Amino acid sequence: MNFNFIHSHPEGDLTMKKIIIAVLIVLVAIAFIGGGLTAWASGTHRRLNLNHFTATPLTTQTQILSQSPKQIRFDLRTAVIKIEPGRTNQLKLTNAGQNQYQVNQTGTSWSLTEKQANRHQLEIGQSPTITLTLADPQAIQQLTINQLNGTLNLNDLTTNNLAIHHHNGTTFAQNLTLTGAGEVTKDNGRTTIQHLTSNGLTVTIRTGQFKLNGQKTGRHYQQSGYQPLRITSGSGQVSVSQ
């Protein structure tokens, strides 16, 4: 007669329980510290940068542009960017550090840049909102945007040339007109363009879904035109209406 014995390992079980408890304690401590830092940053209206161990006071800044810009460039890390029509040519920065951005304008060429724009930073606190209003939004010759994280909103704009590289986040454009060539490159995130006017359209998606005028199409789409808008998306949904 054969007997099968089940051997228990109380020491091993106890060690595993200790590891689990230790991990839970660490997670609770991290959550507690993170919650405390978030509350402190919100209460003092500051943004904490854990990469550089800095606490930056957040401000609201407004600047009137000297001329109506025709060449516009953004090179930013994390922000909500809005470009829209307005009565005056104006830049408004909300929840921004006093010296976070550099603004340059030479004639009709205008740019807003940020140091280390392509490097991720571990930050706690409200992200900046950047609003650029244009008195003549149909006169843009070149619009170039390099944005690492955040949301991009383009409203009622006409440009001869468009070059966007939005790494992570949501891209939304409404009533966008291209009189020349355009390119939108997305690494991750949703892309929505409503009421697009362009001379052709090319869409390539690695992972995700493309809808044209509400209808699903394949991951590779081409609409004839001599200067098409080219959309390349790594991961995320793409929706275009014309």
C-alpha atoms as a PDB file:
ATOM      1  CA  MET A   1       0.000   0.000   0.000  1.00  0.00           C
ATOM      2  CA  ASN A   2       1.312   3.382  -0.977  1.00  0.00           C
ATOM      3  CA  PHE A   3       0.843   6.457   1.134  1.00  0.00           C
ATOM      4  CA  ASN A   4       1.206   9.994  -0.188  1.00  0.00           C
ATOM      5  CA  PHE A   5       2.185  12.544   2.389  1.00  0.00           C
ATOM      6  CA  ILE A   6       1.580  16.250   1.982  1.00  0.00           C
ATOM      7  CA  HIS A   7       4.366  18.206   3.547  1.00  0.00           C
ATOM      8  CA  SER A   8       3.668  21.741   4.695  1.00  0.00           C
ATOM      9  CA  HIS A   9       6.317  24.417   4.835  1.00  0.00           C
ATOM     10  CA  PRO A  10       5.289  26.775   7.610  1.00  0.00           C
ATOM     11  CA  GLU A  11       8.531  28.750   7.415  1.00  0.00           C
ATOM     12  CA  GLY A  12       8.122  29.371   3.672  1.00  0.00           C
ATOM     13  CA  ASP A  13       4.484  30.361   4.077  1.00  0.00           C
ATOM     14  CA  LEU A  14       5.395  32.744   6.886  1.00  0.00           C
ATOM     15  CA  THR A  15       8.130  34.345   4.792  1.00  0.00           C
ATOM     16  CA  MET A  16       5.717  34.875   1.890  1.00  0.00           C
ATOM     17  CA  LYS A  17       3.166  36.475   4.196  1.00  0.00           C
ATOM     18  CA  LYS A  18       5.824  38.830   5.542  1.00  0.00           C
ATOM     19  CA  ILE A  19       6.792  39.847   2.010  1.00  0.00           C
ATOM     20  CA  ILE A  20       3.170  40.525   1.078  1.00  0.00           C
ATOM     21  CA  ILE A  21       2.612  42.578   4.229  1.00  0.00           C
ATOM     22  CA  ALA A  22       5.806  44.557   3.609  1.00  0.00           C
ATOM     23  CA  VAL A  23       4.762  45.308   0.028  1.00  0.00           C
ATOM     24  CA  LEU A  24       1.321  46.446   1.193  1.00  0.00           C
ATOM     25  CA  ILE A  25       2.883  48.712   3.813  1.00  0.00           C
ATOM     26  CA  VAL A  26       5.156  50.275   1.197  1.00  0.00           C
ATOM     27  CA  LEU A  27       2.228  50.833  -1.192  1.00  0.00           C
ATOM     28  CA  VAL A  28       0.133  52.429   1.546  1.00  0.00           C
ATOM     29  CA  ALA A  29       3.054  54.663   2.532  1.00  0.00           C
ATOM     30  CA  ILE A  30       3.586  55.739  -1.087  1.00  0.00           C
ATOM     31  CA  ALA A  31      -0.123  56.499  -1.485  1.00  0.00           C
ATOM     32  CA  PHE A  32      -0.151  58.461   1.772  1.00  0.00           C
ATOM     33  CA  ILE A  33       2.932  60.482   0.861  1.00  0.00           C
ATOM     34  CA  GLY A  34       1.678  61.063  -2.686  1.00  0.00           C
ATOM     35  CA  GLY A  35      -1.694  62.222  -1.410  1.00  0.00           C
ATOM     36  CA  GLY A  36      -0.039  64.548   1.072  1.00  0.00           C
ATOM     37  CA  LEU A  37       2.242  66.055  -1.573  1.00  0.00           C
ATOM     38  CA  THR A  38      -0.683  66.508  -3.955  1.00  0.00           C
ATOM     39  CA  ALA A  39      -2.736  68.261  -1.275  1.00  0.00           C
ATOM     40  CA  TRP A  40       0.204  70.481  -0.353  1.00  0.00           C
ATOM     41  CA  ALA A  41       0.898  71.390  -3.991  1.00  0.00           C
ATOM     42  CA  SER A  42      -2.757  72.217  -4.589  1.00  0.00           C
ATOM     43  CA  GLY A  43      -3.105  74.195  -1.367  1.00  0.00           C
ATOM     44  CA  THR A  44       0.009  76.292  -1.998  1.00  0.00           C
ATOM     45  CA  HIS A  45      -0.571  76.550  -5.769  1.00  0.00           C
ATOM     46  CA  ARG A  46       2.782  75.043  -6.639  1.00  0.00           C
ATOM     47  CA  ARG A  47       4.081  72.297  -8.870  1.00  0.00           C
ATOM     48  CA  LEU A  48       6.556  69.780  -7.470  1.00  0.00           C
ATOM     49  CA  ASN A  49       9.257  68.389  -9.723  1.00  0.00           C
ATOM     50  CA  LEU A  50      10.548  65.180  -8.165  1.00  0.00           C
ATOM     51  CA  ASN A  51      13.337  64.868 -10.730  1.00  0.00           C
ATOM     52  CA  HIS A  52      14.938  68.129  -9.630  1.00  0.00           C
ATOM     53  CA  PHE A  53      13.410  68.388  -6.116  1.00  0.00           C
ATOM     54  CA  THR A  54      11.928  71.812  -6.819  1.00  0.00           C
ATOM     55  CA  ALA A  55       8.633  73.498  -5.932  1.00  0.00           C
ATOM     56  CA  THR A  56       7.583  76.114  -8.467  1.00  0.00           C
ATOM     57  CA  PRO A  57       4.913  78.753  -7.664  1.00  0.00           C
ATOM     58  CA  LEU A  58       2.237  78.791 -10.364  1.00  0.00           C
ATOM     59  CA  THR A  59       1.120  82.031 -11.983  1.00  0.00           C
ATOM     60  CA  THR A  60      -1.237  83.361 -14.642  1.00  0.00           C
ATOM     61  CA  GLN A  61       0.494  85.452 -17.300  1.00  0.00           C
ATOM     62  CA  THR A  62      -0.893  87.382 -20.261  1.00  0.00           C
ATOM     63  CA  GLN A  63       1.083  88.843 -23.134  1.00  0.00           C
ATOM     64  CA  ILE A  64      -0.086  90.808 -26.176  1.00  0.00           C
ATOM     65  CA  LEU A  65       1.787  89.866 -29.346  1.00  0.00           C
ATOM     66  CA  SER A  66       3.473  92.705 -31.218  1.00  0.00           C
ATOM     67  CA  GLN A  67       2.268  91.449 -34.619  1.00  0.00           C
ATOM     68  CA  SER A  68      -0.104  88.855 -35.997  1.00  0.00           C
ATOM     69  CA  PRO A  69       2.079  85.730 -36.286  1.00  0.00           C
ATOM     70  CA  LYS A  70       2.259  83.781 -39.524  1.00  0.00           C
ATOM     71  CA  GLN A  71       4.976  81.300 -38.524  1.00  0.00           C
ATOM     72  CA  ILE A  72       4.098  79.689 -35.197  1.00  0.00           C
ATOM     73  CA  ARG A  73       6.124  77.129 -33.275  1.00  0.00           C
ATOM     74  CA  PHE A  74       5.566  75.298 -29.976  1.00  0.00           C
ATOM     75  CA  ASP A  75       8.184  73.075 -28.332  1.00  0.00           C
ATOM     76  CA  LEU A  76       6.743  71.958 -24.988  1.00  0.00           C
ATOM     77  CA  ARG A  77       6.762  69.140 -22.460  1.00  0.00           C
ATOM     78  CA  THR A  78       3.415  68.816 -20.651  1.00  0.00           C
ATOM     79  CA  ALA A  79       0.518  71.212 -21.134  1.00  0.00           C
ATOM     80  CA  VAL A  80      -2.947  71.849 -22.476  1.00  0.00           C
ATOM     81  CA  ILE A  81      -2.462  73.865 -25.669  1.00  0.00           C
ATOM     82  CA  LYS A  82      -5.298  75.851 -27.223  1.00  0.00           C
ATOM     83  CA  ILE A  83      -5.027  77.842 -30.455  1.00  0.00           C
ATOM     84  CA  GLU A  84      -8.187  79.694 -31.413  1.00  0.00           C
ATOM     85  CA  PRO A  85      -9.572  82.905 -32.942  1.00  0.00           C
ATOM     86  CA  GLY A  86      -9.798  86.010 -30.787  1.00  0.00           C
ATOM     87  CA  ARG A  87     -10.143  89.769 -30.951  1.00  0.00           C
ATOM     88  CA  THR A  88      -6.465  90.319 -30.264  1.00  0.00           C
ATOM     89  CA  ASN A  89      -3.231  88.399 -30.744  1.00  0.00           C
ATOM     90  CA  GLN A  90      -2.658  87.248 -27.194  1.00  0.00           C
ATOM     91  CA  LEU A  91      -0.856  84.559 -25.227  1.00  0.00           C
ATOM     92  CA  LYS A  92      -2.270  83.457 -21.882  1.00  0.00           C
ATOM     93  CA  LEU A  93      -0.420  81.087 -19.561  1.00  0.00           C
ATOM     94  CA  THR A  94      -2.333  79.519 -16.678  1.00  0.00           C
ATOM     95  CA  ASN A  95      -0.663  77.437 -13.935  1.00  0.00           C
ATOM     96  CA  ALA A  96       2.765  78.219 -15.362  1.00  0.00           C
ATOM     97  CA  GLY A  97       6.055  78.917 -13.653  1.00  0.00           C
ATOM     98  CA  GLN A  98       7.333  82.471 -13.890  1.00  0.00           C
ATOM     99  CA  ASN A  99      10.282  81.500 -16.100  1.00  0.00           C
ATOM    100  CA  GLN A 100       9.003  78.187 -17.411  1.00  0.00           C
ATOM    101  CA  TYR A 101       8.698  79.260 -21.050  1.00  0.00           C
ATOM    102  CA  GLN A 102      10.665  81.362 -23.473  1.00  0.00           C
ATOM    103  CA  VAL A 103       8.684  83.528 -25.902  1.00  0.00           C
ATOM    104  CA  ASN A 104      10.358  84.833 -29.039  1.00  0.00           C
ATOM    105  CA  GLN A 105       8.896  86.995 -31.791  1.00  0.00           C
ATOM    106  CA  THR A 106      10.717  88.412 -34.783  1.00  0.00           C
ATOM    107  CA  GLY A 107       8.327  90.098 -37.162  1.00  0.00           C
ATOM    108  CA  THR A 108       5.620  87.567 -37.973  1.00  0.00           C
ATOM    109  CA  SER A 109       7.663  84.607 -36.672  1.00  0.00           C
ATOM    110  CA  TRP A 110       6.626  83.579 -33.135  1.00  0.00           C
ATOM    111  CA  SER A 111       7.638  80.695 -30.870  1.00  0.00           C
ATOM    112  CA  LEU A 112       7.024  79.337 -27.375  1.00  0.00           C
ATOM    113  CA  THR A 113       9.636  76.894 -26.112  1.00  0.00           C
ATOM    114  CA  GLU A 114      10.494  75.036 -22.920  1.00  0.00           C
ATOM    115  CA  LYS A 115      13.807  73.607 -21.746  1.00  0.00           C
ATOM    116  CA  GLN A 116      14.108  69.805 -21.829  1.00  0.00           C
ATOM    117  CA  ALA A 117      10.853  69.627 -23.760  1.00  0.00           C
ATOM    118  CA  ASN A 118      11.479  66.036 -24.863  1.00  0.00           C
ATOM    119  CA  ARG A 119      12.320  64.661 -21.408  1.00  0.00           C
ATOM    120  CA  HIS A 120       9.681  63.197 -19.132  1.00  0.00           C
ATOM    121  CA  GLN A 121       9.545  64.697 -15.642  1.00  0.00           C
ATOM    122  CA  LEU A 122       7.834  63.314 -12.542  1.00  0.00           C
ATOM    123  CA  GLU A 123       5.678  66.211 -11.382  1.00  0.00           C
ATOM    124  CA  ILE A 124       2.872  66.748  -8.886  1.00  0.00           C
ATOM    125  CA  GLY A 125       0.466  69.636  -9.326  1.00  0.00           C
ATOM    126  CA  GLN A 126      -1.646  71.287 -11.985  1.00  0.00           C
ATOM    127  CA  SER A 127      -0.414  71.217 -15.562  1.00  0.00           C
ATOM    128  CA  PRO A 128      -0.129  74.487 -17.494  1.00  0.00           C
ATOM    129  CA  THR A 129      -2.813  75.666 -19.889  1.00  0.00           C
ATOM    130  CA  ILE A 130      -1.500  77.656 -22.841  1.00  0.00           C
ATOM    131  CA  THR A 131      -3.995  79.657 -24.885  1.00  0.00           C
ATOM    132  CA  LEU A 132      -2.943  81.465 -28.037  1.00  0.00           C
ATOM    133  CA  THR A 133      -5.656  83.632 -29.589  1.00  0.00           C
ATOM    134  CA  LEU A 134      -5.221  84.968 -33.107  1.00  0.00           C
ATOM    135  CA  ALA A 135      -6.976  87.943 -34.644  1.00  0.00           C
ATOM    136  CA  ASP A 136      -6.346  86.521 -38.126  1.00  0.00           C
ATOM    137  CA  PRO A 137      -6.379  82.722 -37.756  1.00  0.00           C
ATOM    138  CA  GLN A 138      -6.680  82.235 -41.532  1.00  0.00           C
ATOM    139  CA  ALA A 139      -3.305  83.855 -42.273  1.00  0.00           C
ATOM    140  CA  ILE A 140      -0.996  81.198 -40.789  1.00  0.00           C
ATOM    141  CA  GLN A 141       1.763  80.124 -43.154  1.00  0.00           C
ATOM    142  CA  GLN A 142       3.511  77.565 -40.932  1.00  0.00           C
ATOM    143  CA  LEU A 143       2.278  75.882 -37.744  1.00  0.00           C
ATOM    144  CA  THR A 144       4.797  73.599 -36.019  1.00  0.00           C
ATOM    145  CA  ILE A 145       4.044  71.848 -32.729  1.00  0.00           C
ATOM    146  CA  ASN A 146       6.239  69.443 -30.782  1.00  0.00           C
ATOM    147  CA  GLN A 147       4.383  68.372 -27.634  1.00  0.00           C
ATOM    148  CA  LEU A 148       5.485  65.580 -25.320  1.00  0.00           C
ATOM    149  CA  ASN A 149       2.382  65.169 -23.129  1.00  0.00           C
ATOM    150  CA  GLY A 150      -1.024  66.740 -22.699  1.00  0.00           C
ATOM    151  CA  THR A 151      -3.944  67.910 -24.794  1.00  0.00           C
ATOM    152  CA  LEU A 152      -3.832  69.849 -28.054  1.00  0.00           C
ATOM    153  CA  ASN A 153      -6.846  71.850 -29.272  1.00  0.00           C
ATOM    154  CA  LEU A 154      -6.899  73.638 -32.638  1.00  0.00           C
ATOM    155  CA  ASN A 155     -10.026  75.622 -33.487  1.00  0.00           C
ATOM    156  CA  ASP A 156     -10.986  77.391 -36.733  1.00  0.00           C
ATOM    157  CA  LEU A 157      -7.488  77.654 -38.193  1.00  0.00           C
ATOM    158  CA  THR A 158      -6.177  77.924 -41.748  1.00  0.00           C
ATOM    159  CA  THR A 159      -2.517  77.206 -42.419  1.00  0.00           C
ATOM    160  CA  ASN A 160      -0.410  76.645 -45.492  1.00  0.00           C
ATOM    161  CA  ASN A 161       1.835  74.108 -43.792  1.00  0.00           C
ATOM    162  CA  LEU A 162       1.231  71.974 -40.702  1.00  0.00           C
ATOM    163  CA  ALA A 163       3.774  69.870 -38.795  1.00  0.00           C
ATOM    164  CA  ILE A 164       2.664  68.282 -35.514  1.00  0.00           C
ATOM    165  CA  HIS A 165       4.449  65.678 -33.409  1.00  0.00           C
ATOM    166  CA  HIS A 166       2.270  64.974 -30.403  1.00  0.00           C
ATOM    167  CA  HIS A 167       3.878  62.171 -28.440  1.00  0.00           C
ATOM    168  CA  ASN A 168       1.279  61.359 -25.763  1.00  0.00           C
ATOM    169  CA  GLY A 169      -2.205  62.731 -25.247  1.00  0.00           C
ATOM    170  CA  THR A 170      -5.351  63.813 -27.057  1.00  0.00           C
ATOM    171  CA  THR A 171      -5.269  65.833 -30.259  1.00  0.00           C
ATOM    172  CA  PHE A 172      -8.453  67.644 -31.296  1.00  0.00           C
ATOM    173  CA  ALA A 173      -8.947  69.967 -34.258  1.00  0.00           C
ATOM    174  CA  GLN A 174     -12.138  71.591 -35.488  1.00  0.00           C
ATOM    175  CA  ASN A 175     -12.621  73.456 -38.775  1.00  0.00           C
ATOM    176  CA  LEU A 176      -9.014  72.921 -39.825  1.00  0.00           C
ATOM    177  CA  THR A 177      -8.094  74.070 -43.335  1.00  0.00           C
ATOM    178  CA  LEU A 178      -4.810  73.206 -45.047  1.00  0.00           C
ATOM    179  CA  THR A 179      -3.866  75.110 -48.184  1.00  0.00           C
ATOM    180  CA  GLY A 180      -0.593  73.206 -48.483  1.00  0.00           C
ATOM    181  CA  ALA A 181       0.985  70.079 -47.049  1.00  0.00           C
ATOM    182  CA  GLY A 182       0.432  68.814 -43.523  1.00  0.00           C
ATOM    183  CA  GLU A 183       1.699  66.084 -41.231  1.00  0.00           C
ATOM    184  CA  VAL A 184       0.413  64.854 -37.871  1.00  0.00           C
ATOM    185  CA  THR A 185       2.495  62.259 -36.020  1.00  0.00           C
ATOM    186  CA  LYS A 186       1.076  60.644 -32.870  1.00  0.00           C
ATOM    187  CA  ASP A 187       2.857  58.129 -30.667  1.00  0.00           C
ATOM    188  CA  ASN A 188       0.006  57.432 -28.236  1.00  0.00           C
ATOM    189  CA  GLY A 189      -3.470  58.852 -27.805  1.00  0.00           C
ATOM    190  CA  ARG A 190      -6.669  59.756 -29.604  1.00  0.00           C
ATOM    191  CA  THR A 191      -6.726  62.022 -32.651  1.00  0.00           C
ATOM    192  CA  THR A 192      -9.965  63.724 -33.740  1.00  0.00           C
ATOM    193  CA  ILE A 193     -10.286  66.180 -36.628  1.00  0.00           C
ATOM    194  CA  GLN A 194     -13.732  67.553 -37.389  1.00  0.00           C
ATOM    195  CA  HIS A 195     -14.521  69.392 -40.634  1.00  0.00           C
ATOM    196  CA  LEU A 196     -11.129  68.984 -42.288  1.00  0.00           C
ATOM    197  CA  THR A 197     -10.384  70.733 -45.564  1.00  0.00           C
ATOM    198  CA  SER A 198      -7.253  69.480 -47.318  1.00  0.00           C
ATOM    199  CA  ASN A 199      -6.034  68.388 -50.722  1.00  0.00           C
ATOM    200  CA  GLY A 200      -5.929  64.684 -49.986  1.00  0.00           C
ATOM    201  CA  LEU A 201      -5.606  62.522 -46.880  1.00  0.00           C
ATOM    202  CA  THR A 202      -3.302  59.663 -45.911  1.00  0.00           C
ATOM    203  CA  VAL A 203      -3.720  57.757 -42.638  1.00  0.00           C
ATOM    204  CA  THR A 204      -1.492  55.019 -41.217  1.00  0.00           C
ATOM    205  CA  ILE A 205      -2.221  53.399 -37.838  1.00  0.00           C
ATOM    206  CA  ARG A 206      -0.151  50.721 -36.120  1.00  0.00           C
ATOM    207  CA  THR A 207      -2.578  49.905 -33.297  1.00  0.00           C
ATOM    208  CA  GLY A 208      -6.087  51.292 -33.133  1.00  0.00           C
ATOM    209  CA  GLN A 209      -8.975  52.185 -35.396  1.00  0.00           C
ATOM    210  CA  PHE A 210      -9.609  54.799 -38.081  1.00  0.00           C
ATOM    211  CA  LYS A 211     -13.007  56.324 -38.819  1.00  0.00           C
ATOM    212  CA  LEU A 212     -13.705  58.623 -41.764  1.00  0.00           C
ATOM    213  CA  ASN A 213     -17.000  60.503 -41.537  1.00  0.00           C
ATOM    214  CA  GLY A 214     -18.145  58.051 -38.883  1.00  0.00           C
ATOM    215  CA  GLN A 215     -17.388  54.927 -40.939  1.00  0.00           C
ATOM    216  CA  LYS A 216     -14.728  52.416 -39.954  1.00  0.00           C
ATOM    217  CA  THR A 217     -11.928  51.932 -42.452  1.00  0.00           C
ATOM    218  CA  GLY A 218      -8.684  49.999 -42.421  1.00  0.00           C
ATOM    219  CA  ARG A 219      -5.479  50.988 -40.705  1.00  0.00           C
ATOM    220  CA  HIS A 220      -4.109  52.240 -44.005  1.00  0.00           C
ATOM    221  CA  TYR A 221      -6.118  54.803 -45.925  1.00  0.00           C
ATOM    222  CA  GLN A 222      -5.269  57.020 -48.866  1.00  0.00           C
ATOM    223  CA  GLN A 223      -7.364  59.750 -50.473  1.00  0.00           C
ATOM    224  CA  SER A 224      -5.891  61.244 -53.622  1.00  0.00           C
ATOM    225  CA  GLY A 225      -4.517  64.766 -53.566  1.00  0.00           C
ATOM    226  CA  TYR A 226      -1.317  66.561 -54.502  1.00  0.00           C
ATOM    227  CA  GLN A 227      -0.697  67.910 -50.963  1.00  0.00           C
ATOM    228  CA  PRO A 228      -2.425  65.506 -48.565  1.00  0.00           C
ATOM    229  CA  LEU A 229      -2.585  65.671 -44.811  1.00  0.00           C
ATOM    230  CA  ARG A 230      -0.568  62.697 -43.588  1.00  0.00           C
ATOM    231  CA  ILE A 231      -1.595  61.235 -40.240  1.00  0.00           C
ATOM    232  CA  THR A 232       0.637  58.602 -38.647  1.00  0.00           C
ATOM    233  CA  SER A 233      -0.524  57.093 -35.345  1.00  0.00           C
ATOM    234  CA  GLY A 234       1.297  54.545 -33.227  1.00  0.00           C
ATOM    235  CA  SER A 235      -1.389  53.622 -30.709  1.00  0.00           C
ATOM    236  CA  GLY A 236      -4.812  55.225 -30.462  1.00  0.00           C
ATOM    237  CA  GLN A 237      -8.049  55.959 -32.261  1.00  0.00           C
ATOM    238  CA  VAL A 238      -8.132  58.335 -35.237  1.00  0.00           C
ATOM    239  CA  SER A 239     -11.328  60.008 -36.403  1.00  0.00           C
ATOM    240  CA  VAL A 240     -11.661  62.466 -39.299  1.00  0.00           C
ATOM    241  CA  SER A 241     -14.709  64.164 -40.786  1.00  0.00           C
ATOM    242  CA  GLN A 242     -14.686  66.217 -43.979  1.00  0.00           C
END
